């Protein structure tokens, strides 16, 4: 779900775009760990969350999958 930055109680918090409630992870804790002291850091984290929720895989994941497939074909490492 898309997120945005909002100032709550003197901290910049990551909130859900539609409901303005503090965004939580699967474990139920706040994704921002209690808030950021600067808007720039909060915006950077919100951008990362929005990029990851867009469905585009991260670059590193694709590389690891290709590497695993190469070794699974039975090629010798020696």
PDB file of N, CA and C in Angstrom:
ATOM      1  N   UNK A   1       0.842  -1.171   0.000  1.00  0.00           N
ATOM      2  CA  UNK A   1       0.000   0.000   0.000  1.00  0.00           C
ATOM      3  C   UNK A   1       0.893   1.242   0.000  1.00  0.00           C
ATOM      4  N   UNK A   2       0.557   2.243  -0.782  1.00  0.00           N
ATOM      5  CA  UNK A   2       1.379   3.458  -0.825  1.00  0.00           C
ATOM      6  C   UNK A   2       1.420   4.181   0.526  1.00  0.00           C
ATOM      7  N   UNK A   3       2.564   4.790   0.795  1.00  0.00           N
ATOM      8  CA  UNK A   3       2.736   5.527   2.047  1.00  0.00           C
ATOM      9  C   UNK A   3       3.182   6.952   1.752  1.00  0.00           C
ATOM     10  N   UNK A   4       3.061   7.809   2.768  1.00  0.00           N
ATOM     11  CA  UNK A   4       3.510   9.197   2.675  1.00  0.00           C
ATOM     12  C   UNK A   4       4.075   9.605   4.023  1.00  0.00           C
ATOM     13  N   UNK A   5       4.629  10.799   4.097  1.00  0.00           N
ATOM     14  CA  UNK A   5       5.244  11.302   5.327  1.00  0.00           C
ATOM     15  C   UNK A   5       4.324  12.358   5.937  1.00  0.00           C
ATOM     16  N   UNK A   6       4.151  12.264   7.248  1.00  0.00           N
ATOM     17  CA  UNK A   6       3.324  13.235   7.961  1.00  0.00           C
ATOM     18  C   UNK A   6       3.982  13.527   9.302  1.00  0.00           C
ATOM     19  N   UNK A   7       3.948  14.779   9.736  1.00  0.00           N
ATOM     20  CA  UNK A   7       4.540  15.146  11.023  1.00  0.00           C
ATOM     21  C   UNK A   7       3.519  14.883  12.131  1.00  0.00           C
ATOM     22  N   UNK A   8       3.895  13.999  13.051  1.00  0.00           N
ATOM     23  CA  UNK A   8       3.022  13.646  14.167  1.00  0.00           C
ATOM     24  C   UNK A   8       3.843  13.723  15.442  1.00  0.00           C
ATOM     25  N   UNK A   9       3.431  14.587  16.368  1.00  0.00           N
ATOM     26  CA  UNK A   9       4.097  14.685  17.666  1.00  0.00           C
ATOM     27  C   UNK A   9       5.560  15.066  17.598  1.00  0.00           C
ATOM     28  N   UNK A  10       5.938  15.926  16.676  1.00  0.00           N
ATOM     29  CA  UNK A  10       7.325  16.375  16.575  1.00  0.00           C
ATOM     30  C   UNK A  10       8.233  15.454  15.792  1.00  0.00           C
ATOM     31  N   UNK A  11       7.722  14.330  15.300  1.00  0.00           N
ATOM     32  CA  UNK A  11       8.508  13.382  14.491  1.00  0.00           C
ATOM     33  C   UNK A  11       7.864  13.252  13.121  1.00  0.00           C
ATOM     34  N   UNK A  12       8.668  12.915  12.133  1.00  0.00           N
ATOM     35  CA  UNK A  12       8.149  12.643  10.801  1.00  0.00           C
ATOM     36  C   UNK A  12       7.862  11.153  10.710  1.00  0.00           C
ATOM     37  N   UNK A  13       6.593  10.810  10.519  1.00  0.00           N
ATOM     38  CA  UNK A  13       6.163   9.427  10.528  1.00  0.00           C
ATOM     39  C   UNK A  13       5.765   8.958   9.140  1.00  0.00           C
ATOM     40  N   UNK A  14       5.897   7.654   8.894  1.00  0.00           N
ATOM     41  CA  UNK A  14       5.459   7.027   7.655  1.00  0.00           C
ATOM     42  C   UNK A  14       4.021   6.573   7.895  1.00  0.00           C
ATOM     43  N   UNK A  15       3.080   7.129   7.122  1.00  0.00           N
ATOM     44  CA  UNK A  15       1.665   6.800   7.306  1.00  0.00           C
ATOM     45  C   UNK A  15       1.075   6.255   6.013  1.00  0.00           C
ATOM     46  N   UNK A  16      -0.003   5.472   6.160  1.00  0.00           N
ATOM     47  CA  UNK A  16      -0.716   4.945   5.002  1.00  0.00           C
ATOM     48  C   UNK A  16      -1.328   6.106   4.232  1.00  0.00           C
ATOM     49  N   UNK A  17      -1.319   6.014   2.917  1.00  0.00           N
ATOM     50  CA  UNK A  17      -1.765   7.105   2.072  1.00  0.00           C
ATOM     51  C   UNK A  17      -3.249   7.417   2.247  1.00  0.00           C
ATOM     52  N   UNK A  18      -4.091   6.400   2.334  1.00  0.00           N
ATOM     53  CA  UNK A  18      -5.533   6.615   2.383  1.00  0.00           C
ATOM     54  C   UNK A  18      -6.053   6.897   3.788  1.00  0.00           C
ATOM     55  N   UNK A  19      -5.515   6.205   4.778  1.00  0.00           N
ATOM     56  CA  UNK A  19      -6.092   6.281   6.124  1.00  0.00           C
ATOM     57  C   UNK A  19      -5.343   7.203   7.074  1.00  0.00           C
ATOM     58  N   UNK A  20      -4.149   7.624   6.734  1.00  0.00           N
ATOM     59  CA  UNK A  20      -3.279   8.429   7.599  1.00  0.00           C
ATOM     60  C   UNK A  20      -2.930   7.738   8.913  1.00  0.00           C
ATOM     61  N   UNK A  21      -3.065   6.414   8.968  1.00  0.00           N
ATOM     62  CA  UNK A  21      -2.633   5.677  10.153  1.00  0.00           C
ATOM     63  C   UNK A  21      -1.167   5.283   9.973  1.00  0.00           C
ATOM     64  N   UNK A  22      -0.446   5.141  11.070  1.00  0.00           N
ATOM     65  CA  UNK A  22       0.975   4.803  11.010  1.00  0.00           C
ATOM     66  C   UNK A  22       1.143   3.447  10.345  1.00  0.00           C
ATOM     67  N   UNK A  23       2.027   3.388   9.369  1.00  0.00           N
ATOM     68  CA  UNK A  23       2.243   2.177   8.600  1.00  0.00           C
ATOM     69  C   UNK A  23       2.990   1.146   9.438  1.00  0.00           C
ATOM     70  N   UNK A  24       2.493  -0.093   9.431  1.00  0.00           N
ATOM     71  CA  UNK A  24       3.113  -1.168  10.203  1.00  0.00           C
ATOM     72  C   UNK A  24       3.567  -2.294   9.283  1.00  0.00           C
ATOM     73  N   UNK A  25       4.502  -3.090   9.782  1.00  0.00           N
ATOM     74  CA  UNK A  25       4.978  -4.247   9.025  1.00  0.00           C
ATOM     75  C   UNK A  25       4.167  -5.483   9.409  1.00  0.00           C
ATOM     76  N   UNK A  26       4.572  -6.640   8.918  1.00  0.00           N
ATOM     77  CA  UNK A  26       3.827  -7.876   9.199  1.00  0.00           C
ATOM     78  C   UNK A  26       3.822  -8.215  10.685  1.00  0.00           C
ATOM     79  N   UNK A  27       4.848  -7.817  11.390  1.00  0.00           N
ATOM     80  CA  UNK A  27       4.930  -8.085  12.824  1.00  0.00           C
ATOM     81  C   UNK A  27       4.101  -7.145  13.669  1.00  0.00           C
ATOM     82  N   UNK A  28       3.556  -6.098  13.066  1.00  0.00           N
ATOM     83  CA  UNK A  28       2.706  -5.159  13.784  1.00  0.00           C
ATOM     84  C   UNK A  28       3.423  -3.948  14.342  1.00  0.00           C
ATOM     85  N   UNK A  29       4.737  -3.848  14.118  1.00  0.00           N
ATOM     86  CA  UNK A  29       5.473  -2.680  14.610  1.00  0.00           C
ATOM     87  C   UNK A  29       5.560  -1.622  13.517  1.00  0.00           C
ATOM     88  N   UNK A  30       5.768  -0.380  13.909  1.00  0.00           N
ATOM     89  CA  UNK A  30       5.847   0.727  12.960  1.00  0.00           C
ATOM     90  C   UNK A  30       7.056   0.557  12.046  1.00  0.00           C
ATOM     91  N   UNK A  31       6.865   0.786  10.744  1.00  0.00           N
ATOM     92  CA  UNK A  31       7.971   0.609   9.798  1.00  0.00           C
ATOM     93  C   UNK A  31       9.066   1.646  10.000  1.00  0.00           C
ATOM     94  N   UNK A  32       8.725   2.795  10.572  1.00  0.00           N
ATOM     95  CA  UNK A  32       9.725   3.845  10.760  1.00  0.00           C
ATOM     96  C   UNK A  32      10.418   3.768  12.112  1.00  0.00           C
ATOM     97  N   UNK A  33      10.106   2.771  12.914  1.00  0.00           N
ATOM     98  CA  UNK A  33      10.795   2.585  14.187  1.00  0.00           C
ATOM     99  C   UNK A  33      10.571   3.693  15.189  1.00  0.00           C
ATOM    100  N   UNK A  34       9.456   4.370  15.131  1.00  0.00           N
ATOM    101  CA  UNK A  34       9.162   5.431  16.093  1.00  0.00           C
ATOM    102  C   UNK A  34       9.249   6.822  15.511  1.00  0.00           C
ATOM    103  N   UNK A  35       9.623   6.943  14.256  1.00  0.00           N
ATOM    104  CA  UNK A  35       9.655   8.248  13.606  1.00  0.00           C
ATOM    105  C   UNK A  35      11.057   8.726  13.295  1.00  0.00           C
ATOM    106  N   UNK A  36      11.128   9.675  12.379  1.00  0.00           N
ATOM    107  CA  UNK A  36      12.405  10.258  11.954  1.00  0.00           C
ATOM    108  C   UNK A  36      12.496  11.691  12.456  1.00  0.00           C
ATOM    109  N   UNK A  37      13.710  12.150  12.694  1.00  0.00           N
ATOM    110  CA  UNK A  37      13.891  13.528  13.137  1.00  0.00           C
ATOM    111  C   UNK A  37      13.995  14.490  11.952  1.00  0.00           C
ATOM    112  N   UNK A  38      14.242  13.970  10.752  1.00  0.00           N
ATOM    113  CA  UNK A  38      14.318  14.853   9.581  1.00  0.00           C
ATOM    114  C   UNK A  38      13.358  14.377   8.499  1.00  0.00           C
ATOM    115  N   UNK A  39      12.799  15.335   7.788  1.00  0.00           N
ATOM    116  CA  UNK A  39      11.870  15.015   6.705  1.00  0.00           C
ATOM    117  C   UNK A  39      12.585  14.254   5.588  1.00  0.00           C
ATOM    118  N   UNK A  40      13.853  14.564   5.316  1.00  0.00           N
ATOM    119  CA  UNK A  40      14.590  13.921   4.237  1.00  0.00           C
ATOM    120  C   UNK A  40      14.713  12.416   4.461  1.00  0.00           C
ATOM    121  N   UNK A  41      15.045  12.021   5.681  1.00  0.00           N
ATOM    122  CA  UNK A  41      15.180  10.589   5.976  1.00  0.00           C
ATOM    123  C   UNK A  41      13.837   9.877   5.871  1.00  0.00           C
ATOM    124  N   UNK A  42      12.797  10.528   6.335  1.00  0.00           N
ATOM    125  CA  UNK A  42      11.461   9.933   6.248  1.00  0.00           C
ATOM    126  C   UNK A  42      11.031   9.797   4.790  1.00  0.00           C
ATOM    127  N   UNK A  43      11.315  10.811   3.976  1.00  0.00           N
ATOM    128  CA  UNK A  43      10.954  10.760   2.557  1.00  0.00           C
ATOM    129  C   UNK A  43      11.733   9.661   1.835  1.00  0.00           C
ATOM    130  N   UNK A  44      12.995   9.474   2.202  1.00  0.00           N
ATOM    131  CA  UNK A  44      13.803   8.427   1.586  1.00  0.00           C
ATOM    132  C   UNK A  44      13.216   7.055   1.906  1.00  0.00           C
ATOM    133  N   UNK A  45      12.803   6.851   3.151  1.00  0.00           N
ATOM    134  CA  UNK A  45      12.225   5.562   3.520  1.00  0.00           C
ATOM    135  C   UNK A  45      10.872   5.368   2.841  1.00  0.00           C
ATOM    136  N   UNK A  46      10.057   6.404   2.782  1.00  0.00           N
ATOM    137  CA  UNK A  46       8.753   6.298   2.121  1.00  0.00           C
ATOM    138  C   UNK A  46       8.923   5.982   0.639  1.00  0.00           C
ATOM    139  N   UNK A  47       9.911   6.586   0.003  1.00  0.00           N
ATOM    140  CA  UNK A  47      10.183   6.305  -1.408  1.00  0.00           C
ATOM    141  C   UNK A  47      10.597   4.849  -1.607  1.00  0.00           C
ATOM    142  N   UNK A  48      11.422   4.336  -0.700  1.00  0.00           N
ATOM    143  CA  UNK A  48      11.859   2.944  -0.791  1.00  0.00           C
ATOM    144  C   UNK A  48      10.679   1.993  -0.603  1.00  0.00           C
ATOM    145  N   UNK A  49       9.811   2.293   0.334  1.00  0.00           N
ATOM    146  CA  UNK A  49       8.636   1.449   0.574  1.00  0.00           C
ATOM    147  C   UNK A  49       7.726   1.469  -0.645  1.00  0.00           C
ATOM    148  N   UNK A  50       7.500   2.654  -1.206  1.00  0.00           N
ATOM    149  CA  UNK A  50       6.630   2.762  -2.381  1.00  0.00           C
ATOM    150  C   UNK A  50       7.241   2.057  -3.588  1.00  0.00           C
ATOM    151  N   UNK A  51       8.549   2.117  -3.733  1.00  0.00           N
ATOM    152  CA  UNK A  51       9.204   1.445  -4.856  1.00  0.00           C
ATOM    153  C   UNK A  51       9.091  -0.072  -4.714  1.00  0.00           C
ATOM    154  N   UNK A  52       9.242  -0.580  -3.495  1.00  0.00           N
ATOM    155  CA  UNK A  52       9.160  -2.019  -3.272  1.00  0.00           C
ATOM    156  C   UNK A  52       7.747  -2.555  -3.395  1.00  0.00           C
ATOM    157  N   UNK A  53       6.756  -1.720  -3.132  1.00  0.00           N
ATOM    158  CA  UNK A  53       5.377  -2.196  -3.229  1.00  0.00           C
ATOM    159  C   UNK A  53       4.815  -2.053  -4.641  1.00  0.00           C
ATOM    160  N   UNK A  54       5.630  -1.545  -5.576  1.00  0.00           N
ATOM    161  CA  UNK A  54       5.146  -1.354  -6.944  1.00  0.00           C
ATOM    162  C   UNK A  54       5.185  -2.639  -7.761  1.00  0.00           C
ATOM    163  N   UNK A  55       5.790  -3.696  -7.234  1.00  0.00           N
ATOM    164  CA  UNK A  55       5.842  -4.973  -7.931  1.00  0.00           C
ATOM    165  C   UNK A  55       7.092  -5.171  -8.767  1.00  0.00           C
ATOM    166  N   UNK A  56       7.984  -4.208  -8.774  1.00  0.00           N
ATOM    167  CA  UNK A  56       9.232  -4.330  -9.525  1.00  0.00           C
ATOM    168  C   UNK A  56      10.264  -4.976  -8.613  1.00  0.00           C
ATOM    169  N   UNK A  57      10.847  -6.119  -9.010  1.00  0.00           N
ATOM    170  CA  UNK A  57      11.808  -6.784  -8.132  1.00  0.00           C
ATOM    171  C   UNK A  57      13.102  -5.986  -7.992  1.00  0.00           C
ATOM    172  N   UNK A  58      13.743  -6.152  -6.861  1.00  0.00           N
ATOM    173  CA  UNK A  58      15.021  -5.485  -6.628  1.00  0.00           C
ATOM    174  C   UNK A  58      16.101  -6.113  -7.509  1.00  0.00           C
ATOM    175  N   UNK A  59      17.117  -5.329  -7.872  1.00  0.00           N
ATOM    176  CA  UNK A  59      18.169  -5.828  -8.765  1.00  0.00           C
ATOM    177  C   UNK A  59      18.905  -7.015  -8.177  1.00  0.00           C
ATOM    178  N   UNK A  60      19.227  -6.956  -6.891  1.00  0.00           N
ATOM    179  CA  UNK A  60      20.007  -8.013  -6.270  1.00  0.00           C
ATOM    180  C   UNK A  60      19.311  -9.352  -6.284  1.00  0.00           C
ATOM    181  N   UNK A  61      18.006  -9.360  -6.149  1.00  0.00           N
ATOM    182  CA  UNK A  61      17.263 -10.620  -6.138  1.00  0.00           C
ATOM    183  C   UNK A  61      17.383 -11.327  -7.472  1.00  0.00           C
ATOM    184  N   UNK A  62      17.279 -10.609  -8.578  1.00  0.00           N
ATOM    185  CA  UNK A  62      17.377 -11.222  -9.897  1.00  0.00           C
ATOM    186  C   UNK A  62      18.746 -11.854 -10.096  1.00  0.00           C
ATOM    187  N   UNK A  63      19.786 -11.175  -9.680  1.00  0.00           N
ATOM    188  CA  UNK A  63      21.137 -11.697  -9.855  1.00  0.00           C
ATOM    189  C   UNK A  63      21.331 -12.979  -9.054  1.00  0.00           C
ATOM    190  N   UNK A  64      20.832 -13.008  -7.826  1.00  0.00           N
ATOM    191  CA  UNK A  64      20.988 -14.208  -7.006  1.00  0.00           C
ATOM    192  C   UNK A  64      20.264 -15.393  -7.625  1.00  0.00           C
ATOM    193  N   UNK A  65      19.083 -15.188  -8.161  1.00  0.00           N
ATOM    194  CA  UNK A  65      18.339 -16.285  -8.776  1.00  0.00           C
ATOM    195  C   UNK A  65      19.100 -16.844  -9.972  1.00  0.00           C
ATOM    196  N   UNK A  66      19.672 -15.980 -10.795  1.00  0.00           N
ATOM    197  CA  UNK A  66      20.421 -16.447 -11.957  1.00  0.00           C
ATOM    198  C   UNK A  66      21.642 -17.236 -11.511  1.00  0.00           C
ATOM    199  N   UNK A  67      22.310 -16.786 -10.470  1.00  0.00           N
ATOM    200  CA  UNK A  67      23.492 -17.470  -9.967  1.00  0.00           C
ATOM    201  C   UNK A  67      23.121 -18.854  -9.458  1.00  0.00           C
ATOM    202  N   UNK A  68      22.021 -18.976  -8.735  1.00  0.00           N
ATOM    203  CA  UNK A  68      21.589 -20.270  -8.226  1.00  0.00           C
ATOM    204  C   UNK A  68      21.267 -21.222  -9.365  1.00  0.00           C
ATOM    205  N   UNK A  69      20.598 -20.742 -10.390  1.00  0.00           N
ATOM    206  CA  UNK A  69      20.226 -21.598 -11.505  1.00  0.00           C
ATOM    207  C   UNK A  69      21.463 -22.149 -12.203  1.00  0.00           C
ATOM    208  N   UNK A  70      22.496 -21.319 -12.328  1.00  0.00           N
ATOM    209  CA  UNK A  70      23.709 -21.755 -12.996  1.00  0.00           C
ATOM    210  C   UNK A  70      24.343 -22.919 -12.243  1.00  0.00           C
ATOM    211  N   UNK A  71      24.365 -22.869 -10.914  1.00  0.00           N
ATOM    212  CA  UNK A  71      24.966 -23.936 -10.130  1.00  0.00           C
ATOM    213  C   UNK A  71      24.054 -25.154 -10.047  1.00  0.00           C
ATOM    214  N   UNK A  72      22.758 -24.973 -10.176  1.00  0.00           N
ATOM    215  CA  UNK A  72      21.833 -26.097 -10.109  1.00  0.00           C
ATOM    216  C   UNK A  72      21.894 -26.972 -11.352  1.00  0.00           C
ATOM    217  N   UNK A  73      22.501 -26.513 -12.419  1.00  0.00           N
ATOM    218  CA  UNK A  73      22.581 -27.296 -13.648  1.00  0.00           C
ATOM    219  C   UNK A  73      23.629 -28.399 -13.581  1.00  0.00           C
ATOM    220  N   UNK A  74      24.335 -28.492 -12.480  1.00  0.00           N
ATOM    221  CA  UNK A  74      25.304 -29.568 -12.305  1.00  0.00           C
ATOM    222  C   UNK A  74      26.694 -29.217 -12.820  1.00  0.00           C
ATOM    223  N   UNK A  75      27.012 -27.958 -12.994  1.00  0.00           N
ATOM    224  CA  UNK A  75      28.344 -27.584 -13.464  1.00  0.00           C
ATOM    225  C   UNK A  75      29.347 -27.775 -12.327  1.00  0.00           C
ATOM    226  N   UNK A  76      30.517 -28.211 -12.680  1.00  0.00           N
ATOM    227  CA  UNK A  76      31.581 -28.389 -11.690  1.00  0.00           C
ATOM    228  C   UNK A  76      32.115 -27.041 -11.262  1.00  0.00           C
ATOM    229  N   UNK A  77      32.417 -26.946  -9.972  1.00  0.00           N
ATOM    230  CA  UNK A  77      33.008 -25.724  -9.433  1.00  0.00           C
ATOM    231  C   UNK A  77      34.518 -25.783  -9.431  1.00  0.00           C
ATOM    232  N   UNK A  78      35.099 -26.980  -9.613  1.00  0.00           N
ATOM    233  CA  UNK A  78      36.549 -27.159  -9.539  1.00  0.00           C
ATOM    234  C   UNK A  78      37.238 -26.777 -10.834  1.00  0.00           C
TER     235      UNK A  78
END
